[in-house]
Amino acid sequence: MQRTAHRRLSIAGGVALLALAVSATPALAGEVLTRGADLWRTATGFSYTSFRTEPIPAGFFCDGSRPFAGTITLRGKPLATRPAGALGGIDTIVRRLDDAALDAQGTASTRVQLMALSLASIAPIETNCGLYDVTAALAGEQPTTTMRIAQTSDGGGTYVAPLELNVKLTFLPVGGGERRELVHRISLGPGSASVWSFAHPAVARQGTVAVDTDGDGVPDALVPAASNFRAGVAPASTGGTLTTCQSCHCNQNSTDPNQSAAGCTYLHCVMVQVQGPCPRTGH
């Protein structure tokens, strides 16, 4: 029999804000950022979920199992798509639900919602009931939150978008046996490098792509059409180069995007491209 536990964790993660710089370039008032999907790759070796403050209860893994208060280190597991491999190594998709028109101050907002998530443990976790591989996917209907966008140059700017997720962790015994599932609510807060740039023309994909949104390995929803908003890529400047870095998202109550990872019960880092050196992420 499958055992399911429902928990609420206050955790780290999310899509967040760099300092909103005041631009000397006038905002492009009336420019519309079209709704679409933001595609992310998780940075291997940085992301984890910790149960040190709220252990998995005794008896979850088997009769007599001890509470689990350890940490599960996670990597991205490419999302299942149709056609196969259409999104490469993408493991996380955030959907922007509305077109967003920039006002005279260069600001706009849109609703956002997690569309797909596919993570897996780097190594099995050890319990007194044996070893378990762990996967993470979305569980059911996802909440919506608000992304606030700021244009800081002709080419793009920064944004802040706290997220709420319903996440399902699946524990699979190594060597076979009964799976266990744990569903919890995750609050994602500020991150270290939330940048965007205009994509003119809109970033295109060849044909339509369906993606697995519930972790069963079967593509079940179409990825939204191309957009002129490119999340995770800073505006290019004349003669400048972009550096590939990790944008790490931690405590939902933190106002410091460089907060030490030691304070996180969950840390999710994704790959971004920024101007100049990588921002300090505190771990």
C-alpha atoms as a PDB file:
ATOM      1  CA  MET A   1       0.000   0.000   0.000  1.00  0.00           C
ATOM      2  CA  GLN A   2       1.310   3.461  -0.901  1.00  0.00           C
ATOM      3  CA  ARG A   3       1.749   5.793   2.046  1.00  0.00           C
ATOM      4  CA  THR A   4       1.285   9.505   1.516  1.00  0.00           C
ATOM      5  CA  ALA A   5       2.084  12.261   4.018  1.00  0.00           C
ATOM      6  CA  HIS A   6       1.066  15.909   3.579  1.00  0.00           C
ATOM      7  CA  ARG A   7       3.342  18.527   5.079  1.00  0.00           C
ATOM      8  CA  ARG A   8       3.959  22.256   4.804  1.00  0.00           C
ATOM      9  CA  LEU A   9       7.554  23.373   4.751  1.00  0.00           C
ATOM     10  CA  SER A  10       8.818  26.924   4.775  1.00  0.00           C
ATOM     11  CA  ILE A  11      11.681  26.580   2.342  1.00  0.00           C
ATOM     12  CA  ALA A  12      14.076  28.189   0.083  1.00  0.00           C
ATOM     13  CA  GLY A  13      13.981  28.577  -3.547  1.00  0.00           C
ATOM     14  CA  GLY A  14      12.251  30.681  -5.988  1.00  0.00           C
ATOM     15  CA  VAL A  15      12.728  33.226  -8.586  1.00  0.00           C
ATOM     16  CA  ALA A  16      13.859  36.541  -7.189  1.00  0.00           C
ATOM     17  CA  LEU A  17      15.229  40.026  -7.523  1.00  0.00           C
ATOM     18  CA  LEU A  18      18.558  41.609  -8.264  1.00  0.00           C
ATOM     19  CA  ALA A  19      18.786  45.219  -7.082  1.00  0.00           C
ATOM     20  CA  LEU A  20      16.517  47.309  -9.295  1.00  0.00           C
ATOM     21  CA  ALA A  21      18.944  49.721 -10.885  1.00  0.00           C
ATOM     22  CA  VAL A  22      17.804  53.145 -12.012  1.00  0.00           C
ATOM     23  CA  SER A  23      18.363  53.314 -15.745  1.00  0.00           C
ATOM     24  CA  ALA A  24      19.424  56.424 -17.581  1.00  0.00           C
ATOM     25  CA  THR A  25      17.630  55.038 -20.633  1.00  0.00           C
ATOM     26  CA  PRO A  26      13.915  55.919 -20.864  1.00  0.00           C
ATOM     27  CA  ALA A  27      11.601  52.944 -20.419  1.00  0.00           C
ATOM     28  CA  LEU A  28       9.828  51.674 -23.485  1.00  0.00           C
ATOM     29  CA  ALA A  29       6.324  52.500 -22.249  1.00  0.00           C
ATOM     30  CA  GLY A  30       3.680  50.394 -23.904  1.00  0.00           C
ATOM     31  CA  GLU A  31       6.043  47.569 -24.869  1.00  0.00           C
ATOM     32  CA  VAL A  32       4.181  44.306 -24.239  1.00  0.00           C
ATOM     33  CA  LEU A  33       6.012  41.315 -22.785  1.00  0.00           C
ATOM     34  CA  THR A  34       4.076  38.358 -24.116  1.00  0.00           C
ATOM     35  CA  ARG A  35       2.967  35.468 -21.936  1.00  0.00           C
ATOM     36  CA  GLY A  36       4.884  32.231 -22.305  1.00  0.00           C
ATOM     37  CA  ALA A  37       7.142  29.718 -20.584  1.00  0.00           C
ATOM     38  CA  ASP A  38      10.487  30.223 -18.857  1.00  0.00           C
ATOM     39  CA  LEU A  39      12.696  27.137 -19.177  1.00  0.00           C
ATOM     40  CA  TRP A  40      15.335  26.309 -16.548  1.00  0.00           C
ATOM     41  CA  ARG A  41      18.162  23.844 -15.902  1.00  0.00           C
ATOM     42  CA  THR A  42      18.944  22.995 -12.278  1.00  0.00           C
ATOM     43  CA  ALA A  43      22.577  23.419 -11.222  1.00  0.00           C
ATOM     44  CA  THR A  44      23.850  19.992 -10.117  1.00  0.00           C
ATOM     45  CA  GLY A  45      25.383  19.794  -6.665  1.00  0.00           C
ATOM     46  CA  PHE A  46      23.784  22.930  -5.222  1.00  0.00           C
ATOM     47  CA  SER A  47      20.087  22.074  -4.839  1.00  0.00           C
ATOM     48  CA  TYR A  48      18.721  20.129  -1.889  1.00  0.00           C
ATOM     49  CA  THR A  49      15.818  19.621   0.470  1.00  0.00           C
ATOM     50  CA  SER A  50      16.422  19.221   4.193  1.00  0.00           C
ATOM     51  CA  PHE A  51      14.230  17.614   6.844  1.00  0.00           C
ATOM     52  CA  ARG A  52      16.255  18.802   9.830  1.00  0.00           C
ATOM     53  CA  THR A  53      13.470  21.050  11.154  1.00  0.00           C
ATOM     54  CA  GLU A  54      10.523  18.814  10.210  1.00  0.00           C
ATOM     55  CA  PRO A  55      11.667  15.184   9.982  1.00  0.00           C
ATOM     56  CA  ILE A  56       9.802  12.589   7.940  1.00  0.00           C
ATOM     57  CA  PRO A  57       7.844  10.769  10.674  1.00  0.00           C
ATOM     58  CA  ALA A  58       8.662   7.393  12.177  1.00  0.00           C
ATOM     59  CA  GLY A  59       7.050   4.498  10.347  1.00  0.00           C
ATOM     60  CA  PHE A  60       7.019   6.247   6.965  1.00  0.00           C
ATOM     61  CA  PHE A  61       9.502   3.968   5.184  1.00  0.00           C
ATOM     62  CA  CYS A  62       8.472   0.740   6.909  1.00  0.00           C
ATOM     63  CA  ASP A  63       7.047  -0.422  10.231  1.00  0.00           C
ATOM     64  CA  GLY A  64       9.479   0.723  12.879  1.00  0.00           C
ATOM     65  CA  SER A  65      11.462   3.090  10.656  1.00  0.00           C
ATOM     66  CA  ARG A  66      13.105   5.956  12.497  1.00  0.00           C
ATOM     67  CA  PRO A  67      12.312   9.623  11.729  1.00  0.00           C
ATOM     68  CA  PHE A  68      14.369  10.919   8.799  1.00  0.00           C
ATOM     69  CA  ALA A  69      16.020  14.293   9.462  1.00  0.00           C
ATOM     70  CA  GLY A  70      18.640  14.193   6.720  1.00  0.00           C
ATOM     71  CA  THR A  71      19.273  16.179   3.557  1.00  0.00           C
ATOM     72  CA  ILE A  72      18.563  15.020   0.007  1.00  0.00           C
ATOM     73  CA  THR A  73      20.881  16.542  -2.602  1.00  0.00           C
ATOM     74  CA  LEU A  74      19.094  16.960  -5.935  1.00  0.00           C
ATOM     75  CA  ARG A  75      19.977  17.217  -9.625  1.00  0.00           C
ATOM     76  CA  GLY A  76      17.886  18.077 -12.638  1.00  0.00           C
ATOM     77  CA  LYS A  77      16.293  15.167 -14.492  1.00  0.00           C
ATOM     78  CA  PRO A  78      15.329  16.215 -18.061  1.00  0.00           C
ATOM     79  CA  LEU A  79      11.590  16.483 -18.516  1.00  0.00           C
ATOM     80  CA  ALA A  80       9.873  13.848 -20.652  1.00  0.00           C
ATOM     81  CA  THR A  81       8.674  15.481 -23.873  1.00  0.00           C
ATOM     82  CA  ARG A  82       6.953  14.670 -27.133  1.00  0.00           C
ATOM     83  CA  PRO A  83       8.859  14.609 -29.428  1.00  0.00           C
ATOM     84  CA  ALA A  84      11.502  13.005 -27.214  1.00  0.00           C
ATOM     85  CA  GLY A  85      14.391  15.266 -26.223  1.00  0.00           C
ATOM     86  CA  ALA A  86      12.722  18.401 -27.580  1.00  0.00           C
ATOM     87  CA  LEU A  87      13.761  20.538 -24.586  1.00  0.00           C
ATOM     88  CA  GLY A  88      17.237  19.084 -24.066  1.00  0.00           C
ATOM     89  CA  GLY A  89      18.272  19.240 -20.404  1.00  0.00           C
ATOM     90  CA  ILE A  90      15.411  21.466 -19.209  1.00  0.00           C
ATOM     91  CA  ASP A  91      13.967  20.197 -15.900  1.00  0.00           C
ATOM     92  CA  THR A  92      11.856  23.138 -14.638  1.00  0.00           C
ATOM     93  CA  ILE A  93       9.239  25.262 -16.429  1.00  0.00           C
ATOM     94  CA  VAL A  94       7.570  28.397 -15.055  1.00  0.00           C
ATOM     95  CA  ARG A  95       4.567  29.659 -16.998  1.00  0.00           C
ATOM     96  CA  ARG A  96       3.750  33.387 -17.297  1.00  0.00           C
ATOM     97  CA  LEU A  97      -0.016  33.504 -17.686  1.00  0.00           C
ATOM     98  CA  ASP A  98      -0.630  37.085 -18.909  1.00  0.00           C
ATOM     99  CA  ASP A  99       0.807  39.574 -21.377  1.00  0.00           C
ATOM    100  CA  ALA A 100       2.487  42.368 -19.391  1.00  0.00           C
ATOM    101  CA  ALA A 101       2.637  45.950 -20.715  1.00  0.00           C
ATOM    102  CA  LEU A 102       5.513  48.103 -19.438  1.00  0.00           C
ATOM    103  CA  ASP A 103       4.342  51.425 -18.009  1.00  0.00           C
ATOM    104  CA  ALA A 104       6.108  54.803 -18.155  1.00  0.00           C
ATOM    105  CA  GLN A 105       8.331  53.758 -15.235  1.00  0.00           C
ATOM    106  CA  GLY A 106       9.347  50.564 -17.024  1.00  0.00           C
ATOM    107  CA  THR A 107       7.440  48.221 -14.695  1.00  0.00           C
ATOM    108  CA  ALA A 108       4.898  45.500 -15.360  1.00  0.00           C
ATOM    109  CA  SER A 109       3.409  42.443 -13.688  1.00  0.00           C
ATOM    110  CA  THR A 110       2.011  39.071 -14.671  1.00  0.00           C
ATOM    111  CA  ARG A 111       0.703  35.959 -12.934  1.00  0.00           C
ATOM    112  CA  VAL A 112       3.116  33.013 -12.810  1.00  0.00           C
ATOM    113  CA  GLN A 113       2.635  29.320 -12.087  1.00  0.00           C
ATOM    114  CA  LEU A 114       4.923  26.289 -12.026  1.00  0.00           C
ATOM    115  CA  MET A 115       4.137  24.114 -15.030  1.00  0.00           C
ATOM    116  CA  ALA A 116       6.650  21.271 -14.697  1.00  0.00           C
ATOM    117  CA  LEU A 117       9.426  20.079 -12.364  1.00  0.00           C
ATOM    118  CA  SER A 118      11.707  17.053 -12.629  1.00  0.00           C
ATOM    119  CA  LEU A 119      14.442  16.504 -10.037  1.00  0.00           C
ATOM    120  CA  ALA A 120      16.162  13.393  -8.703  1.00  0.00           C
ATOM    121  CA  SER A 121      18.509  12.559  -5.846  1.00  0.00           C
ATOM    122  CA  ILE A 122      22.216  12.513  -6.718  1.00  0.00           C
ATOM    123  CA  ALA A 123      22.593   9.360  -4.609  1.00  0.00           C
ATOM    124  CA  PRO A 124      20.193   7.070  -2.710  1.00  0.00           C
ATOM    125  CA  ILE A 125      19.304   8.068   0.830  1.00  0.00           C
ATOM    126  CA  GLU A 126      19.969   5.605   3.636  1.00  0.00           C
ATOM    127  CA  THR A 127      17.261   4.545   6.094  1.00  0.00           C
ATOM    128  CA  ASN A 128      17.016   1.616   8.496  1.00  0.00           C
ATOM    129  CA  CYS A 129      14.566   0.136   5.945  1.00  0.00           C
ATOM    130  CA  GLY A 130      17.157   0.242   3.155  1.00  0.00           C
ATOM    131  CA  LEU A 131      18.292   2.607   0.415  1.00  0.00           C
ATOM    132  CA  TYR A 132      15.852   4.814  -1.521  1.00  0.00           C
ATOM    133  CA  ASP A 133      16.206   6.805  -4.727  1.00  0.00           C
ATOM    134  CA  VAL A 134      14.163  10.022  -4.651  1.00  0.00           C
ATOM    135  CA  THR A 135      12.428  12.000  -7.398  1.00  0.00           C
ATOM    136  CA  ALA A 136      10.542  15.298  -7.204  1.00  0.00           C
ATOM    137  CA  ALA A 137       7.645  16.435  -9.410  1.00  0.00           C
ATOM    138  CA  LEU A 138       4.625  18.727  -9.162  1.00  0.00           C
ATOM    139  CA  ALA A 139       1.538  17.462  -7.337  1.00  0.00           C
ATOM    140  CA  GLY A 140      -1.828  18.522  -8.739  1.00  0.00           C
ATOM    141  CA  GLU A 141      -3.017  22.064  -9.448  1.00  0.00           C
ATOM    142  CA  GLN A 142      -0.356  24.667  -8.720  1.00  0.00           C
ATOM    143  CA  PRO A 143      -0.984  28.040  -7.018  1.00  0.00           C
ATOM    144  CA  THR A 144      -0.423  31.282  -8.915  1.00  0.00           C
ATOM    145  CA  THR A 145       1.646  34.228  -7.671  1.00  0.00           C
ATOM    146  CA  THR A 146       2.717  37.585  -9.139  1.00  0.00           C
ATOM    147  CA  MET A 147       5.898  38.343 -11.057  1.00  0.00           C
ATOM    148  CA  ARG A 148       6.926  42.015 -10.915  1.00  0.00           C
ATOM    149  CA  ILE A 149       9.151  43.085 -13.788  1.00  0.00           C
ATOM    150  CA  ALA A 150      11.441  46.115 -14.018  1.00  0.00           C
ATOM    151  CA  GLN A 151      13.126  47.339 -17.206  1.00  0.00           C
ATOM    152  CA  THR A 152      16.537  48.813 -16.368  1.00  0.00           C
ATOM    153  CA  SER A 153      17.967  49.244 -19.874  1.00  0.00           C
ATOM    154  CA  ASP A 154      16.929  49.113 -23.524  1.00  0.00           C
ATOM    155  CA  GLY A 155      17.717  45.413 -23.502  1.00  0.00           C
ATOM    156  CA  GLY A 156      15.865  44.175 -20.413  1.00  0.00           C
ATOM    157  CA  GLY A 157      16.146  44.268 -16.638  1.00  0.00           C
ATOM    158  CA  THR A 158      15.305  42.382 -13.453  1.00  0.00           C
ATOM    159  CA  TYR A 159      12.255  40.812 -11.832  1.00  0.00           C
ATOM    160  CA  VAL A 160      10.942  39.343  -8.599  1.00  0.00           C
ATOM    161  CA  ALA A 161       8.543  36.384  -8.552  1.00  0.00           C
ATOM    162  CA  PRO A 162       7.920  34.480  -5.321  1.00  0.00           C
ATOM    163  CA  LEU A 163       6.405  31.088  -6.081  1.00  0.00           C
ATOM    164  CA  GLU A 164       4.211  28.587  -4.278  1.00  0.00           C
ATOM    165  CA  LEU A 165       4.547  24.916  -5.265  1.00  0.00           C
ATOM    166  CA  ASN A 166       2.811  21.690  -4.381  1.00  0.00           C
ATOM    167  CA  VAL A 167       5.630  19.142  -4.680  1.00  0.00           C
ATOM    168  CA  LYS A 168       5.533  15.343  -4.582  1.00  0.00           C
ATOM    169  CA  LEU A 169       8.637  13.460  -3.427  1.00  0.00           C
ATOM    170  CA  THR A 170       8.643   9.802  -4.470  1.00  0.00           C
ATOM    171  CA  PHE A 171      10.910   7.355  -2.597  1.00  0.00           C
ATOM    172  CA  LEU A 172      11.782   4.249  -4.648  1.00  0.00           C
ATOM    173  CA  PRO A 173      13.526   1.333  -2.862  1.00  0.00           C
ATOM    174  CA  VAL A 174      16.818   0.434  -4.521  1.00  0.00           C
ATOM    175  CA  GLY A 175      16.421  -3.058  -5.881  1.00  0.00           C
ATOM    176  CA  GLY A 176      12.613  -2.857  -6.009  1.00  0.00           C
ATOM    177  CA  GLY A 177       9.771  -2.765  -3.521  1.00  0.00           C
ATOM    178  CA  GLU A 178       6.962  -0.526  -2.323  1.00  0.00           C
ATOM    179  CA  ARG A 179       7.269   3.166  -3.161  1.00  0.00           C
ATOM    180  CA  ARG A 180       6.499   5.917  -0.688  1.00  0.00           C
ATOM    181  CA  GLU A 181       5.225   9.432  -1.490  1.00  0.00           C
ATOM    182  CA  LEU A 182       5.426  12.668   0.457  1.00  0.00           C
ATOM    183  CA  VAL A 183       3.493  15.763  -0.686  1.00  0.00           C
ATOM    184  CA  HIS A 184       4.224  19.204   0.694  1.00  0.00           C
ATOM    185  CA  ARG A 185       3.734  22.902  -0.033  1.00  0.00           C
ATOM    186  CA  ILE A 186       6.867  24.889  -0.843  1.00  0.00           C
ATOM    187  CA  SER A 187       7.260  28.662  -0.631  1.00  0.00           C
ATOM    188  CA  LEU A 188       9.970  29.994  -2.915  1.00  0.00           C
ATOM    189  CA  GLY A 189      11.519  33.354  -2.130  1.00  0.00           C
ATOM    190  CA  PRO A 190      14.303  35.728  -3.268  1.00  0.00           C
ATOM    191  CA  GLY A 191      17.152  34.475  -5.435  1.00  0.00           C
ATOM    192  CA  SER A 192      20.534  35.861  -6.364  1.00  0.00           C
ATOM    193  CA  ALA A 193      20.258  36.675 -10.086  1.00  0.00           C
ATOM    194  CA  SER A 194      16.792  37.200 -11.571  1.00  0.00           C
ATOM    195  CA  VAL A 195      17.473  38.873 -14.899  1.00  0.00           C
ATOM    196  CA  TRP A 196      15.662  39.047 -18.230  1.00  0.00           C
ATOM    197  CA  SER A 197      16.204  40.398 -21.712  1.00  0.00           C
ATOM    198  CA  PHE A 198      14.082  41.169 -24.747  1.00  0.00           C
ATOM    199  CA  ALA A 199      13.991  38.492 -27.427  1.00  0.00           C
ATOM    200  CA  HIS A 200      13.341  40.150 -30.792  1.00  0.00           C
ATOM    201  CA  PRO A 201      12.082  38.243 -32.629  1.00  0.00           C
ATOM    202  CA  ALA A 202      10.539  35.936 -30.049  1.00  0.00           C
ATOM    203  CA  VAL A 203      12.629  32.881 -29.166  1.00  0.00           C
ATOM    204  CA  ALA A 204      11.275  30.148 -31.422  1.00  0.00           C
ATOM    205  CA  ARG A 205      10.843  26.411 -30.986  1.00  0.00           C
ATOM    206  CA  GLN A 206      10.360  24.077 -33.912  1.00  0.00           C
ATOM    207  CA  GLY A 207       6.786  22.753 -33.921  1.00  0.00           C
ATOM    208  CA  THR A 208       4.728  22.004 -30.827  1.00  0.00           C
ATOM    209  CA  VAL A 209       6.208  20.364 -27.738  1.00  0.00           C
ATOM    210  CA  ALA A 210       4.279  18.427 -25.100  1.00  0.00           C
ATOM    211  CA  VAL A 211       5.786  18.003 -21.631  1.00  0.00           C
ATOM    212  CA  ASP A 212       5.198  15.784 -18.600  1.00  0.00           C
ATOM    213  CA  THR A 213       3.713  17.991 -15.847  1.00  0.00           C
ATOM    214  CA  ASP A 214       2.989  15.398 -13.119  1.00  0.00           C
ATOM    215  CA  GLY A 215       6.065  13.182 -13.053  1.00  0.00           C
ATOM    216  CA  ASP A 216       4.535  10.029 -14.552  1.00  0.00           C
ATOM    217  CA  GLY A 217       6.823  10.140 -17.584  1.00  0.00           C
ATOM    218  CA  VAL A 218       3.967  10.799 -20.033  1.00  0.00           C
ATOM    219  CA  PRO A 219       3.887  14.210 -21.794  1.00  0.00           C
ATOM    220  CA  ASP A 220       0.432  15.643 -21.101  1.00  0.00           C
ATOM    221  CA  ALA A 221       0.465  19.414 -21.798  1.00  0.00           C
ATOM    222  CA  LEU A 222       1.728  21.695 -24.555  1.00  0.00           C
ATOM    223  CA  VAL A 223       4.527  24.124 -23.733  1.00  0.00           C
ATOM    224  CA  PRO A 224       3.291  27.700 -24.419  1.00  0.00           C
ATOM    225  CA  ALA A 225       4.322  29.408 -27.640  1.00  0.00           C
ATOM    226  CA  ALA A 226       7.461  31.497 -27.999  1.00  0.00           C
ATOM    227  CA  SER A 227       7.714  34.819 -26.134  1.00  0.00           C
ATOM    228  CA  ASN A 228       9.697  38.057 -26.425  1.00  0.00           C
ATOM    229  CA  PHE A 229      10.666  37.745 -22.712  1.00  0.00           C
ATOM    230  CA  ARG A 230      13.830  35.718 -22.065  1.00  0.00           C
ATOM    231  CA  ALA A 231      14.207  34.895 -18.373  1.00  0.00           C
ATOM    232  CA  GLY A 232      17.629  34.118 -16.932  1.00  0.00           C
ATOM    233  CA  VAL A 233      19.635  36.004 -19.575  1.00  0.00           C
ATOM    234  CA  ALA A 234      20.855  39.499 -18.761  1.00  0.00           C
ATOM    235  CA  PRO A 235      20.720  42.245 -21.414  1.00  0.00           C
ATOM    236  CA  ALA A 236      23.909  42.256 -23.485  1.00  0.00           C
ATOM    237  CA  SER A 237      25.896  45.493 -23.421  1.00  0.00           C
ATOM    238  CA  THR A 238      28.221  46.821 -26.099  1.00  0.00           C
ATOM    239  CA  GLY A 239      31.482  44.937 -25.840  1.00  0.00           C
ATOM    240  CA  GLY A 240      30.239  43.045 -22.758  1.00  0.00           C
ATOM    241  CA  THR A 241      30.215  39.306 -22.253  1.00  0.00           C
ATOM    242  CA  LEU A 242      27.759  37.114 -20.409  1.00  0.00           C
ATOM    243  CA  THR A 243      28.908  34.743 -17.667  1.00  0.00           C
ATOM    244  CA  THR A 244      27.084  31.508 -16.833  1.00  0.00           C
ATOM    245  CA  CYS A 245      26.299  31.394 -13.109  1.00  0.00           C
ATOM    246  CA  GLN A 246      23.935  29.822 -10.614  1.00  0.00           C
ATOM    247  CA  SER A 247      20.906  31.729  -9.378  1.00  0.00           C
ATOM    248  CA  CYS A 248      20.136  30.240  -5.962  1.00  0.00           C
ATOM    249  CA  HIS A 249      16.847  30.719  -4.174  1.00  0.00           C
ATOM    250  CA  CYS A 250      16.427  30.363  -0.442  1.00  0.00           C
ATOM    251  CA  ASN A 251      14.278  31.402   2.515  1.00  0.00           C
ATOM    252  CA  GLN A 252      10.896  32.909   1.594  1.00  0.00           C
ATOM    253  CA  ASN A 253      11.226  35.440   4.434  1.00  0.00           C
ATOM    254  CA  SER A 254      14.727  36.571   3.509  1.00  0.00           C
ATOM    255  CA  THR A 255      15.333  40.042   2.101  1.00  0.00           C
ATOM    256  CA  ASP A 256      18.973  39.165   1.362  1.00  0.00           C
ATOM    257  CA  PRO A 257      19.440  37.163  -1.867  1.00  0.00           C
ATOM    258  CA  ASN A 258      22.989  36.333  -0.709  1.00  0.00           C
ATOM    259  CA  GLN A 259      21.810  34.667   2.502  1.00  0.00           C
ATOM    260  CA  SER A 260      23.926  31.694   3.516  1.00  0.00           C
ATOM    261  CA  ALA A 261      22.612  28.342   2.326  1.00  0.00           C
ATOM    262  CA  ALA A 262      23.133  27.122   5.897  1.00  0.00           C
ATOM    263  CA  GLY A 263      19.817  28.804   6.731  1.00  0.00           C
ATOM    264  CA  CYS A 264      17.816  26.990   4.044  1.00  0.00           C
ATOM    265  CA  THR A 265      15.572  23.991   4.459  1.00  0.00           C
ATOM    266  CA  TYR A 266      15.417  23.896   0.666  1.00  0.00           C
ATOM    267  CA  LEU A 267      17.813  25.350  -1.881  1.00  0.00           C
ATOM    268  CA  HIS A 268      17.164  25.386  -5.625  1.00  0.00           C
ATOM    269  CA  CYS A 269      19.809  26.744  -7.975  1.00  0.00           C
ATOM    270  CA  VAL A 270      19.269  27.241 -11.707  1.00  0.00           C
ATOM    271  CA  MET A 271      21.622  28.293 -14.484  1.00  0.00           C
ATOM    272  CA  VAL A 272      21.531  31.937 -15.646  1.00  0.00           C
ATOM    273  CA  GLN A 273      23.686  34.277 -17.725  1.00  0.00           C
ATOM    274  CA  VAL A 274      24.690  37.609 -16.179  1.00  0.00           C
ATOM    275  CA  GLN A 275      26.934  40.545 -17.009  1.00  0.00           C
ATOM    276  CA  GLY A 276      30.365  40.411 -15.380  1.00  0.00           C
ATOM    277  CA  PRO A 277      31.291  38.141 -12.459  1.00  0.00           C
ATOM    278  CA  CYS A 278      28.811  35.794 -10.844  1.00  0.00           C
ATOM    279  CA  PRO A 279      26.940  37.213  -7.844  1.00  0.00           C
ATOM    280  CA  ARG A 280      27.812  35.894  -4.412  1.00  0.00           C
ATOM    281  CA  THR A 281      25.291  33.239  -3.368  1.00  0.00           C
ATOM    282  CA  GLY A 282      26.427  32.623   0.215  1.00  0.00           C
ATOM    283  CA  HIS A 283      27.356  28.940   0.060  1.00  0.00           C
END
